[in-house]
Structure formats: C-alpha cells, structure tokens
N, C-alpha and C. Protein backbone atom coordinates (compact mmCIF):
# COMPACT_ATOMS: atom_id res chain seq x y z
N MET A 1 18.13 7.82 -1.35
CA MET A 1 17.32 7.49 -2.10
C MET A 1 16.08 8.42 -2.38
N ALA A 2 14.93 8.91 -3.32
CA ALA A 2 13.84 9.43 -3.63
C ALA A 2 12.87 10.20 -3.07
N ARG A 3 12.58 11.25 -2.48
CA ARG A 3 10.42 10.18 -1.80
C ARG A 3 10.37 11.79 -2.43
N HIS A 4 8.93 11.42 -2.11
CA HIS A 4 7.86 12.93 -2.82
C HIS A 4 7.88 13.40 -0.95
N ILE A 5 8.31 15.03 -1.34
CA ILE A 5 7.98 15.94 0.52
C ILE A 5 6.68 16.64 -0.62
N GLY A 6 6.10 16.93 -1.13
CA GLY A 6 4.49 17.86 -1.70
C GLY A 6 3.78 17.03 -0.33
N SER A 7 2.33 17.43 -1.11
CA SER A 7 1.29 17.59 -0.90
C SER A 7 -0.04 16.08 -1.16
N VAL A 8 -0.07 15.35 -0.51
CA VAL A 8 0.51 13.92 -1.05
C VAL A 8 -1.55 13.45 -1.51
N CYS A 9 -2.25 14.76 -0.96
CA CYS A 9 -3.90 14.82 -1.18
C CYS A 9 -4.19 15.68 -2.80
N ARG A 10 -3.58 15.90 -2.87
CA ARG A 10 -3.41 16.07 -4.31
C ARG A 10 -3.51 14.94 -5.17
N PHE A 11 -2.99 13.76 -4.99
CA PHE A 11 -3.28 12.91 -5.45
C PHE A 11 -4.37 11.75 -5.54
N CYS A 12 -4.84 12.44 -4.42
CA CYS A 12 -5.64 11.50 -4.38
C CYS A 12 -7.06 12.55 -5.24
N ARG A 13 -7.30 13.62 -5.17
CA ARG A 13 -8.09 14.60 -6.47
C ARG A 13 -8.05 14.85 -7.56
N ARG A 14 -5.75 14.27 -7.81
CA ARG A 14 -6.08 13.57 -9.43
C ARG A 14 -6.93 12.96 -10.12
N GLU A 15 -6.31 11.69 -9.08
CA GLU A 15 -6.76 11.14 -9.39
C GLU A 15 -8.36 10.75 -9.37
N GLY A 16 -9.13 11.19 -8.50
CA GLY A 16 -10.74 11.36 -8.44
C GLY A 16 -10.48 10.10 -7.21
N GLN A 17 -10.33 9.45 -6.74
CA GLN A 17 -11.13 8.57 -5.75
C GLN A 17 -8.85 8.89 -4.10
N LYS A 18 -10.43 8.39 -3.22
CA LYS A 18 -10.15 8.58 -1.80
C LYS A 18 -8.33 7.56 -2.94
N LEU A 19 -7.24 7.76 -1.84
CA LEU A 19 -6.33 7.53 -1.80
C LEU A 19 -5.43 6.85 -0.56
N PHE A 20 -6.24 7.16 0.53
CA PHE A 20 -5.60 7.19 1.71
C PHE A 20 -4.39 7.20 2.35
N LEU A 21 -3.75 8.54 1.72
CA LEU A 21 -2.65 7.90 1.84
C LEU A 21 -2.28 9.15 3.37
N LYS A 22 -3.06 9.63 4.64
CA LYS A 22 -2.84 10.47 5.76
C LYS A 22 -3.48 9.55 7.09
N GLY A 23 -3.78 8.67 6.87
CA GLY A 23 -4.78 7.40 7.56
C GLY A 23 -5.74 8.42 8.28
N ASP A 24 -5.95 8.61 9.37
CA ASP A 24 -6.70 9.26 10.06
C ASP A 24 -8.00 9.84 9.54
N ARG A 25 -6.88 11.08 8.88
CA ARG A 25 -6.43 12.22 8.52
C ARG A 25 -8.04 11.71 7.10
N CYS A 26 -7.89 11.59 6.11
CA CYS A 26 -8.53 10.96 5.49
C CYS A 26 -9.71 10.39 5.62
N GLY A 27 -10.57 10.74 6.91
CA GLY A 27 -11.87 9.85 6.87
C GLY A 27 -11.94 11.26 7.97
N SER A 28 -12.13 12.18 7.96
CA SER A 28 -11.93 12.63 9.11
C SER A 28 -12.79 14.10 7.90
N ASP A 29 -13.16 15.88 8.86
CA ASP A 29 -13.98 16.55 7.68
C ASP A 29 -12.82 17.57 7.11
N LYS A 30 -11.27 16.90 7.93
CA LYS A 30 -10.41 18.10 6.79
C LYS A 30 -9.93 17.12 5.44
N CYS A 31 -10.26 16.31 5.15
CA CYS A 31 -10.28 15.70 3.67
C CYS A 31 -9.72 17.08 3.01
N SER A 32 -9.21 16.71 1.78
CA SER A 32 -9.24 17.42 1.15
C SER A 32 -10.17 17.10 -0.66
N PHE A 33 -10.13 15.98 -0.88
CA PHE A 33 -10.77 14.84 -1.04
C PHE A 33 -12.42 15.82 -1.24
N ASP A 34 -12.73 15.48 0.61
CA ASP A 34 -15.03 15.76 0.46
C ASP A 34 -14.99 16.96 0.60
N ARG A 35 -13.51 17.91 0.75
CA ARG A 35 -13.36 19.58 0.06
C ARG A 35 -13.29 20.08 -0.87
N ARG A 36 -12.58 19.13 -1.87
CA ARG A 36 -12.53 19.91 -3.16
C ARG A 36 -11.93 18.69 -3.86
N GLY A 37 -13.27 17.74 -4.48
CA GLY A 37 -12.59 16.61 -5.50
C GLY A 37 -12.94 16.84 -6.33
N TYR A 38 -12.32 17.76 -7.00
CA TYR A 38 -11.89 17.90 -7.83
C TYR A 38 -10.40 17.95 -8.26
N ALA A 39 -9.37 17.70 -9.28
CA ALA A 39 -8.35 18.25 -9.48
C ALA A 39 -7.46 19.05 -9.24
N PRO A 40 -6.66 19.12 -8.65
CA PRO A 40 -5.43 20.08 -8.29
C PRO A 40 -5.31 20.73 -9.86
N GLY A 41 -5.11 22.80 -9.22
CA GLY A 41 -4.38 23.45 -10.37
C GLY A 41 -5.01 24.47 -11.25
N GLN A 42 -5.40 25.40 -11.60
CA GLN A 42 -5.48 26.32 -11.98
C GLN A 42 -6.76 25.32 -13.61
N HIS A 43 -6.88 24.49 -14.44
CA HIS A 43 -7.94 23.97 -14.92
C HIS A 43 -7.70 22.40 -14.67
N GLY A 44 -8.25 22.84 -13.13
CA GLY A 44 -9.07 21.44 -11.99
C GLY A 44 -9.72 20.79 -13.09
N GLN A 45 -11.20 21.79 -12.45
CA GLN A 45 -12.21 21.96 -12.65
C GLN A 45 -13.04 21.06 -14.40
N LYS A 46 -12.20 21.30 -14.90
CA LYS A 46 -11.97 21.65 -16.69
C LYS A 46 -12.25 20.25 -17.35
N ARG A 47 -13.70 19.19 -18.05
CA ARG A 47 -12.96 18.22 -17.79
C ARG A 47 -12.65 18.51 -19.03
N THR A 48 -11.95 17.32 -19.25
CA THR A 48 -10.56 16.79 -20.20
C THR A 48 -10.42 15.20 -20.89
N LYS A 49 -10.63 14.64 -21.57
CA LYS A 49 -11.06 13.68 -23.03
C LYS A 49 -9.47 13.05 -23.11
N LEU A 50 -9.71 11.91 -22.24
CA LEU A 50 -8.69 11.45 -22.50
C LEU A 50 -8.40 10.08 -23.26
N SER A 51 -7.03 10.01 -24.17
CA SER A 51 -6.73 9.16 -24.57
C SER A 51 -6.18 7.78 -24.39
N GLU A 52 -6.37 6.94 -25.73
CA GLU A 52 -5.60 5.43 -24.92
C GLU A 52 -4.21 5.41 -23.73
N PHE A 53 -3.32 6.42 -24.16
CA PHE A 53 -2.52 6.27 -23.95
C PHE A 53 -2.38 6.77 -22.22
N GLY A 54 -3.14 8.41 -22.46
CA GLY A 54 -3.37 9.13 -20.28
C GLY A 54 -4.48 7.93 -19.57
N GLN A 55 -4.76 7.55 -20.23
CA GLN A 55 -6.75 6.46 -19.28
C GLN A 55 -5.25 5.19 -18.94
N GLN A 56 -4.60 4.99 -19.87
CA GLN A 56 -3.69 4.47 -19.32
C GLN A 56 -2.72 4.04 -17.61
N LEU A 57 -2.43 5.47 -18.28
CA LEU A 57 -1.18 6.42 -18.03
C LEU A 57 -1.71 6.85 -15.89
N ARG A 58 -3.48 6.86 -16.24
CA ARG A 58 -4.28 7.71 -15.15
C ARG A 58 -4.64 6.63 -13.54
N GLU A 59 -4.25 5.46 -14.56
CA GLU A 59 -4.46 4.20 -13.70
C GLU A 59 -2.96 2.93 -13.07
N LYS A 60 -2.24 3.74 -14.91
CA LYS A 60 -0.47 3.43 -13.65
C LYS A 60 -0.17 3.60 -12.62
N GLN A 61 -0.46 5.26 -13.03
CA GLN A 61 -0.07 6.55 -11.63
C GLN A 61 -0.79 6.52 -10.31
N LYS A 62 -2.44 6.54 -10.52
CA LYS A 62 -3.94 5.62 -9.30
C LYS A 62 -2.00 4.96 -8.51
N ALA A 63 -2.86 3.56 -8.74
CA ALA A 63 -2.04 1.65 -8.78
C ALA A 63 -0.68 2.38 -7.85
N LYS A 64 -0.07 2.64 -8.62
CA LYS A 64 1.75 3.23 -8.20
C LYS A 64 1.38 4.29 -6.36
N ARG A 65 0.84 5.32 -6.96
CA ARG A 65 0.26 5.55 -5.53
C ARG A 65 -0.40 5.17 -4.21
N PHE A 66 -0.85 4.59 -4.64
CA PHE A 66 -1.89 4.29 -3.53
C PHE A 66 -0.46 2.96 -2.63
N TYR A 67 0.17 3.26 -3.64
CA TYR A 67 1.10 2.10 -3.15
C TYR A 67 2.52 3.28 -2.18
N GLY A 68 2.88 3.97 -3.08
CA GLY A 68 4.08 4.77 -1.91
C GLY A 68 4.56 4.70 -3.28
N LEU A 69 4.26 3.81 -4.08
CA LEU A 69 5.82 3.37 -4.66
C LEU A 69 6.82 4.08 -5.73
N LEU A 70 7.76 4.71 -6.32
CA LEU A 70 8.39 5.25 -7.09
C LEU A 70 8.35 4.80 -8.67
N GLU A 71 8.87 5.21 -9.44
CA GLU A 71 8.13 4.51 -10.60
C GLU A 71 9.10 3.25 -10.85
N LYS A 72 10.47 3.46 -10.51
CA LYS A 72 11.32 2.46 -10.92
C LYS A 72 11.08 1.13 -9.49
N GLN A 73 10.31 1.28 -8.92
CA GLN A 73 9.79 0.19 -7.67
C GLN A 73 8.68 -0.09 -8.23
N PHE A 74 8.00 0.47 -8.83
CA PHE A 74 6.37 -0.22 -9.35
C PHE A 74 6.79 -0.44 -9.83
N ARG A 75 7.63 0.04 -11.63
CA ARG A 75 7.77 -1.29 -12.61
C ARG A 75 8.76 -2.67 -12.23
N LEU A 76 9.78 -2.28 -11.45
CA LEU A 76 10.47 -3.35 -10.62
C LEU A 76 9.25 -4.41 -10.25
N GLU A 77 8.27 -4.10 -9.51
CA GLU A 77 7.37 -5.77 -9.05
C GLU A 77 6.88 -5.79 -10.43
N PHE A 78 6.11 -5.18 -11.67
CA PHE A 78 5.44 -5.63 -13.01
C PHE A 78 6.19 -6.18 -13.27
N ALA A 79 7.64 -6.01 -13.14
CA ALA A 79 9.30 -7.14 -14.13
C ALA A 79 9.29 -8.59 -13.51
N ARG A 80 8.70 -8.89 -11.78
CA ARG A 80 8.97 -9.41 -11.66
C ARG A 80 6.82 -10.28 -11.69
N ALA A 81 6.89 -9.57 -11.51
CA ALA A 81 5.01 -10.44 -11.72
C ALA A 81 5.37 -11.37 -13.62
N ALA A 82 5.58 -10.05 -14.86
CA ALA A 82 5.47 -11.03 -15.25
C ALA A 82 6.82 -12.05 -15.56
N ALA A 83 7.72 -11.86 -14.72
CA ALA A 83 8.46 -13.41 -14.89
C ALA A 83 7.44 -14.42 -13.76
N THR A 84 7.12 -14.30 -13.40
CA THR A 84 6.20 -15.66 -12.94
C THR A 84 5.05 -15.37 -13.48
N LYS A 85 4.95 -17.10 -13.90
CA LYS A 85 4.41 -18.26 -13.89
C LYS A 85 2.52 -17.56 -13.47
N GLY A 86 1.26 -17.19 -14.82
CA GLY A 86 -0.10 -16.92 -13.72
C GLY A 86 -0.33 -15.85 -14.81
N VAL A 87 -1.38 -15.36 -14.47
CA VAL A 87 -1.57 -13.46 -14.26
C VAL A 87 -1.31 -12.37 -14.00
N THR A 88 -0.59 -12.49 -15.18
CA THR A 88 0.01 -10.63 -15.07
C THR A 88 -0.29 -10.46 -13.96
N SER A 89 -1.60 -10.28 -13.74
CA SER A 89 -2.58 -9.01 -13.46
C SER A 89 -2.21 -9.22 -12.05
N GLU A 90 -3.18 -10.35 -12.12
CA GLU A 90 -3.40 -11.09 -10.51
C GLU A 90 -1.92 -11.30 -9.07
N ILE A 91 -1.52 -11.74 -9.87
CA ILE A 91 0.80 -11.34 -8.89
C ILE A 91 1.06 -10.57 -9.31
N PHE A 92 0.60 -9.84 -9.72
CA PHE A 92 1.84 -7.94 -9.82
C PHE A 92 0.86 -7.44 -8.53
N PHE A 93 -0.29 -7.44 -8.08
CA PHE A 93 -1.12 -6.72 -7.28
C PHE A 93 -0.83 -7.90 -5.79
N GLN A 94 -1.66 -9.01 -5.75
CA GLN A 94 -0.45 -9.91 -4.63
C GLN A 94 0.79 -9.80 -4.56
N ASN A 95 2.03 -9.55 -5.32
CA ASN A 95 3.20 -8.92 -4.64
C ASN A 95 3.32 -8.26 -3.68
N LEU A 96 2.11 -6.77 -4.37
CA LEU A 96 2.33 -5.35 -4.04
C LEU A 96 0.86 -5.48 -2.35
N GLU A 97 0.38 -6.71 -2.08
CA GLU A 97 0.32 -5.95 -1.05
C GLU A 97 1.56 -7.47 0.04
N LEU A 98 2.23 -8.32 -0.81
CA LEU A 98 2.93 -9.47 0.34
C LEU A 98 3.84 -7.93 0.36
N ARG A 99 4.11 -7.14 -0.26
CA ARG A 99 5.24 -6.14 0.48
C ARG A 99 6.10 -6.32 1.88
N LEU A 100 6.50 -5.95 2.42
CA LEU A 100 6.31 -5.53 3.59
C LEU A 100 5.57 -4.68 4.39
N ASP A 101 6.23 -3.50 3.71
CA ASP A 101 5.89 -2.23 4.55
C ASP A 101 4.37 -1.57 3.87
N ASN A 102 3.37 -2.71 2.99
CA ASN A 102 2.29 -2.09 2.96
C ASN A 102 1.49 -3.59 3.65
N ALA A 103 2.19 -4.48 4.03
CA ALA A 103 2.03 -5.59 4.66
C ALA A 103 1.40 -5.01 6.58
N VAL A 104 3.37 -4.02 6.86
CA VAL A 104 3.08 -3.87 8.55
C VAL A 104 1.79 -2.53 8.43
N TYR A 105 0.57 -1.74 7.52
CA TYR A 105 0.26 -0.56 7.27
C TYR A 105 -1.25 -1.27 7.63
N ARG A 106 -1.76 -2.47 6.53
CA ARG A 106 -2.08 -3.39 6.41
C ARG A 106 -2.91 -4.52 8.04
N MET A 107 -1.89 -4.78 8.32
CA MET A 107 -2.03 -5.84 9.74
C MET A 107 -2.34 -4.25 11.11
N GLY A 108 -2.10 -3.15 10.75
CA GLY A 108 -2.03 -1.63 12.15
C GLY A 108 -1.54 -1.40 12.46
N PHE A 109 -0.55 -2.05 12.06
CA PHE A 109 1.71 -1.49 12.42
C PHE A 109 1.58 -0.60 13.02
N ALA A 110 1.06 0.71 11.38
CA ALA A 110 2.05 1.92 11.15
C ALA A 110 -0.02 2.14 10.13
N ALA A 111 -0.03 3.70 10.91
CA ALA A 111 -1.20 4.73 10.38
C ALA A 111 -1.71 4.88 8.52
N SER A 112 -0.25 4.51 8.64
CA SER A 112 -0.02 5.20 6.64
C SER A 112 0.80 3.98 5.89
N ARG A 113 1.01 3.54 5.38
CA ARG A 113 1.93 2.70 4.27
C ARG A 113 3.24 3.78 4.15
N THR A 114 3.36 4.99 4.26
CA THR A 114 4.28 6.34 4.30
C THR A 114 4.87 5.56 5.39
N ASP A 115 3.94 5.95 6.78
CA ASP A 115 4.54 5.87 8.54
C ASP A 115 5.62 4.25 7.96
N ALA A 116 4.55 3.14 7.44
CA ALA A 116 5.39 2.14 7.54
C ALA A 116 6.65 2.20 6.89
N ARG A 117 6.78 2.52 5.86
CA ARG A 117 8.19 2.50 5.24
C ARG A 117 8.74 2.45 6.20
N GLN A 118 8.72 3.81 6.81
CA GLN A 118 9.80 4.37 7.89
C GLN A 118 10.34 3.34 9.39
N ILE A 119 9.06 2.61 9.97
CA ILE A 119 8.57 2.55 10.87
C ILE A 119 9.31 1.02 10.73
N VAL A 120 9.87 1.18 9.09
CA VAL A 120 10.62 -0.53 8.20
C VAL A 120 11.98 -0.19 9.15
N ARG A 121 11.28 1.03 8.17
CA ARG A 121 13.45 1.20 7.94
C ARG A 121 14.60 1.92 9.74
N HIS A 122 13.47 2.18 10.48
CA HIS A 122 14.38 2.34 11.99
C HIS A 122 13.98 0.75 12.55
N ASN A 123 13.69 0.03 12.10
CA ASN A 123 13.97 -1.11 12.57
C ASN A 123 13.26 -1.53 14.04
N HIS A 124 12.30 -1.53 13.75
CA HIS A 124 10.50 -1.13 14.22
C HIS A 124 10.58 -2.37 13.99
N ILE A 125 10.28 -3.80 13.16
CA ILE A 125 9.73 -4.61 12.49
C ILE A 125 10.44 -5.66 13.34
N LEU A 126 10.15 -6.58 13.27
CA LEU A 126 10.49 -8.54 13.60
C LEU A 126 9.74 -9.21 11.91
N VAL A 127 10.15 -9.55 11.48
CA VAL A 127 9.75 -10.67 10.89
C VAL A 127 10.76 -11.85 11.19
N ASN A 128 9.33 -13.27 11.58
CA ASN A 128 9.81 -14.84 11.53
C ASN A 128 10.86 -14.05 12.88
N GLY A 129 10.98 -13.29 14.71
CA GLY A 129 11.83 -13.27 14.66
C GLY A 129 12.99 -12.41 14.54
N LYS A 130 13.57 -12.04 13.45
CA LYS A 130 14.41 -11.15 13.10
C LYS A 130 14.39 -10.80 12.50
N ARG A 131 14.61 -8.95 13.03
CA ARG A 131 14.82 -7.79 12.49
C ARG A 131 15.10 -7.17 10.67
N VAL A 132 13.95 -6.41 10.59
CA VAL A 132 13.67 -6.29 8.80
C VAL A 132 13.89 -5.36 8.81
N ASN A 133 14.97 -4.29 7.98
CA ASN A 133 14.79 -3.06 7.79
C ASN A 133 14.60 -2.92 6.16
N ILE A 134 14.12 -3.38 5.62
CA ILE A 134 14.33 -3.59 3.76
C ILE A 134 12.48 -3.31 3.46
N PRO A 135 12.34 -2.37 2.91
CA PRO A 135 10.64 -2.43 2.63
C PRO A 135 9.87 -2.95 2.62
N SER A 136 11.01 -3.15 0.75
CA SER A 136 10.35 -4.04 -0.64
C SER A 136 10.38 -5.63 -0.74
N SER A 137 10.93 -5.78 1.09
CA SER A 137 11.50 -7.42 1.64
C SER A 137 9.83 -7.58 0.99
N HIS A 138 9.55 -8.85 0.69
CA HIS A 138 8.57 -9.42 0.42
C HIS A 138 7.84 -11.10 0.72
N LEU A 139 6.45 -10.99 1.93
CA LEU A 139 6.63 -12.38 2.80
C LEU A 139 6.03 -13.33 2.32
N LYS A 140 5.93 -13.98 2.95
CA LYS A 140 5.31 -15.35 2.53
C LYS A 140 4.45 -16.05 3.11
N VAL A 141 3.61 -16.97 1.83
CA VAL A 141 2.44 -17.53 3.43
C VAL A 141 3.14 -17.92 4.81
N GLY A 142 2.71 -18.23 6.04
CA GLY A 142 3.57 -18.39 7.04
C GLY A 142 4.45 -17.61 7.92
N ASP A 143 4.99 -16.73 7.26
CA ASP A 143 6.05 -15.55 8.07
C ASP A 143 5.70 -14.79 8.80
N THR A 144 5.50 -14.70 10.11
CA THR A 144 5.52 -13.93 11.11
C THR A 144 5.76 -12.41 11.72
N VAL A 145 4.27 -11.68 10.95
CA VAL A 145 5.23 -9.83 11.20
C VAL A 145 4.69 -9.69 13.24
N SER A 146 5.64 -8.82 13.65
CA SER A 146 5.23 -8.31 15.12
C SER A 146 6.57 -6.89 15.67
N VAL A 147 6.48 -6.77 16.30
CA VAL A 147 6.61 -5.26 16.63
C VAL A 147 7.98 -6.27 17.53
N VAL A 148 8.46 -4.64 17.94
CA VAL A 148 10.05 -5.07 18.36
C VAL A 148 8.99 -4.40 19.91
N GLU A 149 8.80 -4.98 21.06
CA GLU A 149 8.84 -5.46 22.70
C GLU A 149 8.98 -3.35 22.71
N SER A 150 10.14 -3.45 22.77
CA SER A 150 11.21 -1.62 23.08
C SER A 150 9.47 -0.83 23.02
N SER A 151 8.98 -0.83 21.12
CA SER A 151 8.53 0.49 20.97
C SER A 151 7.31 -0.14 20.33
N ALA A 152 6.84 -1.15 20.74
CA ALA A 152 5.15 -1.69 20.48
C ALA A 152 3.86 -0.74 21.61
N SER A 153 4.94 -0.13 23.21
CA SER A 153 3.31 0.12 23.47
C SER A 153 4.29 2.27 23.00
N GLY A 154 5.00 2.76 21.69
CA GLY A 154 4.58 3.45 21.67
C GLY A 154 3.09 4.48 20.71
N PRO A 155 3.46 6.49 20.86
CA PRO A 155 2.07 6.19 21.05
C PRO A 155 1.69 6.15 19.26
N ARG A 156 2.73 5.99 18.10
CA ARG A 156 2.28 6.13 17.07
C ARG A 156 1.65 4.62 16.86
N PHE A 157 1.67 3.58 17.70
CA PHE A 157 1.91 2.38 17.41
C PHE A 157 0.37 2.12 17.01
N ASN A 158 0.46 2.76 19.04
CA ASN A 158 -1.04 3.30 19.44
C ASN A 158 -2.45 3.83 18.72
N VAL A 159 -2.02 4.44 17.92
CA VAL A 159 -2.91 4.84 16.97
C VAL A 159 -3.27 4.50 15.17
N ALA A 160 -2.46 3.42 15.52
CA ALA A 160 -1.93 2.34 14.24
C ALA A 160 -3.16 1.77 14.53
N LYS A 161 -3.19 0.95 16.43
CA LYS A 161 -4.45 0.09 15.83
C LYS A 161 -5.08 -0.02 16.21
N GLU A 162 -5.48 1.93 16.67
CA GLU A 162 -6.75 2.48 16.31
C GLU A 162 -7.14 2.96 15.83
N GLN A 163 -7.31 3.21 13.82
CA GLN A 163 -7.92 3.38 12.91
C GLN A 163 -7.79 1.51 12.37
N TYR A 164 -6.83 1.14 12.27
CA TYR A 164 -6.60 -0.44 11.88
C TYR A 164 -8.16 -0.88 12.86
N SER A 165 -8.31 -0.63 14.06
CA SER A 165 -10.10 -1.49 14.73
C SER A 165 -11.34 -1.09 13.93
N LYS A 166 -11.32 0.23 13.03
CA LYS A 166 -12.35 0.83 11.73
C LYS A 166 -12.02 0.31 10.91
N ARG A 167 -11.28 -0.75 10.46
CA ARG A 167 -11.34 -1.12 8.59
C ARG A 167 -11.22 -2.28 8.93
N ALA A 168 -12.08 -2.64 7.51
CA ALA A 168 -12.90 -4.42 7.72
C ALA A 168 -11.34 -5.58 7.54
N ALA A 169 -11.49 -6.51 8.20
CA ALA A 169 -10.43 -6.97 8.96
C ALA A 169 -10.21 -8.04 6.85
N LEU A 170 -9.21 -8.49 7.01
CA LEU A 170 -9.07 -9.10 5.37
C LEU A 170 -7.77 -10.73 6.17
N PRO A 171 -8.51 -11.46 5.61
CA PRO A 171 -8.55 -12.64 4.96
C PRO A 171 -7.09 -13.49 4.78
N TRP A 172 -6.47 -12.35 4.59
CA TRP A 172 -5.28 -13.12 3.81
C TRP A 172 -4.51 -13.24 5.80
N ILE A 173 -4.75 -12.16 6.75
CA ILE A 173 -3.52 -12.16 7.84
C ILE A 173 -4.61 -12.61 9.20
N GLU A 174 -4.01 -12.56 9.80
CA GLU A 174 -4.65 -13.05 11.06
C GLU A 174 -3.85 -12.18 12.23
N VAL A 175 -4.69 -11.51 12.64
CA VAL A 175 -3.85 -10.32 13.85
C VAL A 175 -4.59 -10.65 15.31
N ASP A 176 -3.52 -10.37 15.93
CA ASP A 176 -3.47 -10.19 17.49
C ASP A 176 -3.00 -8.70 18.11
N HIS A 177 -3.34 -8.22 17.28
CA HIS A 177 -2.65 -6.48 18.39
C HIS A 177 -2.33 -6.16 20.18
N ALA A 178 -2.79 -7.64 20.94
CA ALA A 178 -2.73 -7.84 21.68
C ALA A 178 -1.09 -8.07 22.72
N LYS A 179 -0.60 -9.16 21.18
CA LYS A 179 0.98 -9.59 21.67
C LYS A 179 1.58 -8.67 20.67
N ASN A 180 0.79 -8.02 19.94
CA ASN A 180 2.19 -6.96 18.75
C ASN A 180 2.63 -8.21 17.59
N THR A 181 1.10 -8.52 17.01
CA THR A 181 1.67 -9.87 15.37
C THR A 181 0.60 -10.47 15.26
N ALA A 182 1.20 -10.43 13.83
CA ALA A 182 0.48 -10.56 13.22
C ALA A 182 0.95 -12.33 11.77
N LYS A 183 0.19 -12.55 11.53
CA LYS A 183 0.62 -13.97 10.62
C LYS A 183 0.45 -13.75 9.53
N VAL A 184 0.41 -14.33 8.27
CA VAL A 184 -0.32 -14.22 6.71
C VAL A 184 -0.27 -15.24 6.73
N VAL A 185 -1.61 -15.96 6.62
CA VAL A 185 -2.82 -17.03 6.23
C VAL A 185 -2.77 -17.62 5.06
N ALA A 186 -2.33 -16.72 3.94
CA ALA A 186 -3.43 -16.75 2.82
C ALA A 186 -2.69 -15.86 1.57
N LEU A 187 -2.68 -16.27 0.71
CA LEU A 187 -2.00 -14.83 -0.59
C LEU A 187 -3.18 -14.62 -0.80
N PRO A 188 -2.46 -13.07 -1.00
CA PRO A 188 -3.69 -11.83 -0.66
C PRO A 188 -4.60 -12.10 -2.09
N LYS A 189 -5.91 -11.70 -2.69
CA LYS A 189 -6.06 -12.05 -3.93
C LYS A 189 -6.60 -10.26 -4.52
N ARG A 190 -6.97 -10.30 -5.67
CA ARG A 190 -7.68 -8.77 -6.08
C ARG A 190 -8.65 -8.36 -5.45
N ASP A 191 -8.99 -8.80 -4.66
CA ASP A 191 -11.27 -8.02 -4.50
C ASP A 191 -10.61 -7.58 -2.70
N ASP A 192 -9.01 -8.17 -1.90
CA ASP A 192 -8.90 -7.90 -1.18
C ASP A 192 -8.17 -5.87 -0.75
N VAL A 193 -7.99 -6.72 -2.50
CA VAL A 193 -7.23 -4.60 -2.38
C VAL A 193 -8.44 -3.49 -2.75
N ALA A 194 -8.00 -2.93 -1.81
CA ALA A 194 -10.14 -1.09 -1.76
C ALA A 194 -9.23 -0.67 -3.34
N LEU A 195 -9.63 -0.58 -4.41
CA LEU A 195 -8.80 0.38 -5.04
C LEU A 195 -9.48 -0.03 -5.91
N ASP A 196 -10.04 1.09 -6.57
CA ASP A 196 -10.39 1.58 -8.02
C ASP A 196 -9.84 0.98 -9.28
N VAL A 197 -9.56 -0.06 -9.49
CA VAL A 197 -7.78 0.61 -10.87
C VAL A 197 -7.78 -0.82 -12.66
N LYS A 198 -8.14 -0.37 -12.62
CA LYS A 198 -7.92 -1.13 -14.47
C LYS A 198 -7.19 -1.77 -14.57
N GLU A 199 -6.44 -2.80 -14.22
CA GLU A 199 -5.63 -3.60 -14.19
C GLU A 199 -4.93 -4.02 -15.25
N ARG A 200 -5.76 -4.29 -16.13
CA ARG A 200 -5.79 -4.63 -17.40
C ARG A 200 -5.18 -4.26 -18.37
N MET A 201 -5.17 -2.18 -18.25
CA MET A 201 -4.51 -0.85 -18.67
C MET A 201 -3.21 -0.78 -18.39
N ILE A 202 -2.92 -1.19 -16.89
CA ILE A 202 -0.84 -1.24 -16.77
C ILE A 202 -0.31 -2.27 -17.16
N VAL A 203 -0.98 -3.49 -17.98
CA VAL A 203 -0.57 -4.62 -18.35
C VAL A 203 0.04 -3.92 -19.22
N GLU A 204 -1.39 -3.23 -19.90
CA GLU A 204 -1.05 -3.01 -21.18
C GLU A 204 -0.40 -2.15 -22.10
N LEU A 205 0.39 -0.92 -21.55
CA LEU A 205 1.34 0.07 -20.73
C LEU A 205 2.41 -0.43 -20.50
N TYR A 206 2.97 -1.49 -20.23
CA TYR A 206 3.94 -1.86 -19.81
C TYR A 206 4.53 -3.04 -20.91
N ASN A 207 3.45 -3.18 -22.13
CA ASN A 207 3.89 -4.27 -22.50
C ASN A 207 3.88 -3.74 -23.58
N LYS A 208 3.53 -2.18 -23.04
CA LYS A 208 4.35 -1.06 -25.41
C LYS A 208 5.97 -1.61 -25.75
C-alpha cells in the first residue's frame, strides 16, 4: 500500500494551520509551523490568489492530511457518505471520525493517527473483544475498543495516554485508561472535529 514517507510538518505549513500530525512534537518548541508559519518552498512567503477550484482543492487537502488518508481512501469515504441519506458533509466527517485508526487516536491509545494505524495493523487493538487489524474499519455506537493486555504496558501507550490527558475530552467516547478500554457512546458531531475547514467546498469539489 502506498504511504507518505516525507516530512509531514510541511503539510501544516502548506495548509496554514496545525494538523497535529506528529503528536507531542506539535505542542513543543520543535514545531515547524510555530517556527516557520508560511508555506514551504522557494515561493512560500509570497501571497497568491487562489481560483475557486484552488480554494476547494486546499480545503480537501487540509481535511485529507488531517486524517492521514490517501486520495483513494478519502474519496471512498466521501462516496460512502454521499450514498447515505442525510447531510453529506455531516455524515462524511462522522464517518471519518468513526474510522478505527482515528478512534484509537482520539481515545488516547496512540500519539498520532499514523501511530494509531500502525498499532491497529500490528494486532494491538480489540473491538468488542475481537482482534481487528483493518484501520479503515468503522465503529458503531456501543462498540468497545481496548488494547491487548500484553501490549498495554508498552512505552508507546504510556506516552499516548500522557498526551491524551492534555487534550479536551470528546462527548462521543468514554475512556477508561486504567482498564485500557474506551466505548463509543454517541455519534460524533461536526463540532467535535477540531479542524478549521470549509466542508461545503469539499462537497462542491467532489460533486463536479
């Protein structure tokens, strides 16, 4: 499967906001966005006027990079939302939040979404007591996520829990780090996503 192996700090600089792609580093003095808050490249500090398509593309890229997805994965999530009855943009972000890799990060079992994806693939996560190693799996209300007992004492999980304590709690999940478990208690809402993005533009771009 294709994956990005370059610097992800460039993504934050390109999109003009922190996407929190490197866990605790994003809140430290080493954060590239804080040190160089302009777009990367030779012409990064020049102001450019974007066309309507350019604005739509930037909003799409911002959301795609925030969740750490490739174009095909992101487009499939949109197609899934578009095929569901309701407001497409709300369902779209709801589905993105309910992806297992994102949920593992939100629950404080991983320091970043990239780390969460690796943890899931390496069979460290249980969903309703069964091992699940597909990061794109979608959770439902009532599902319980837990860390395999033999893995829970590892240093990567301890670091993730420490970082989670600094984040605001989300109303759609209940977390019990003492037992290394978390439960989806409600559907996530758009307001629960800490991302400044114009979802309307993403819908317009994919509906062309």
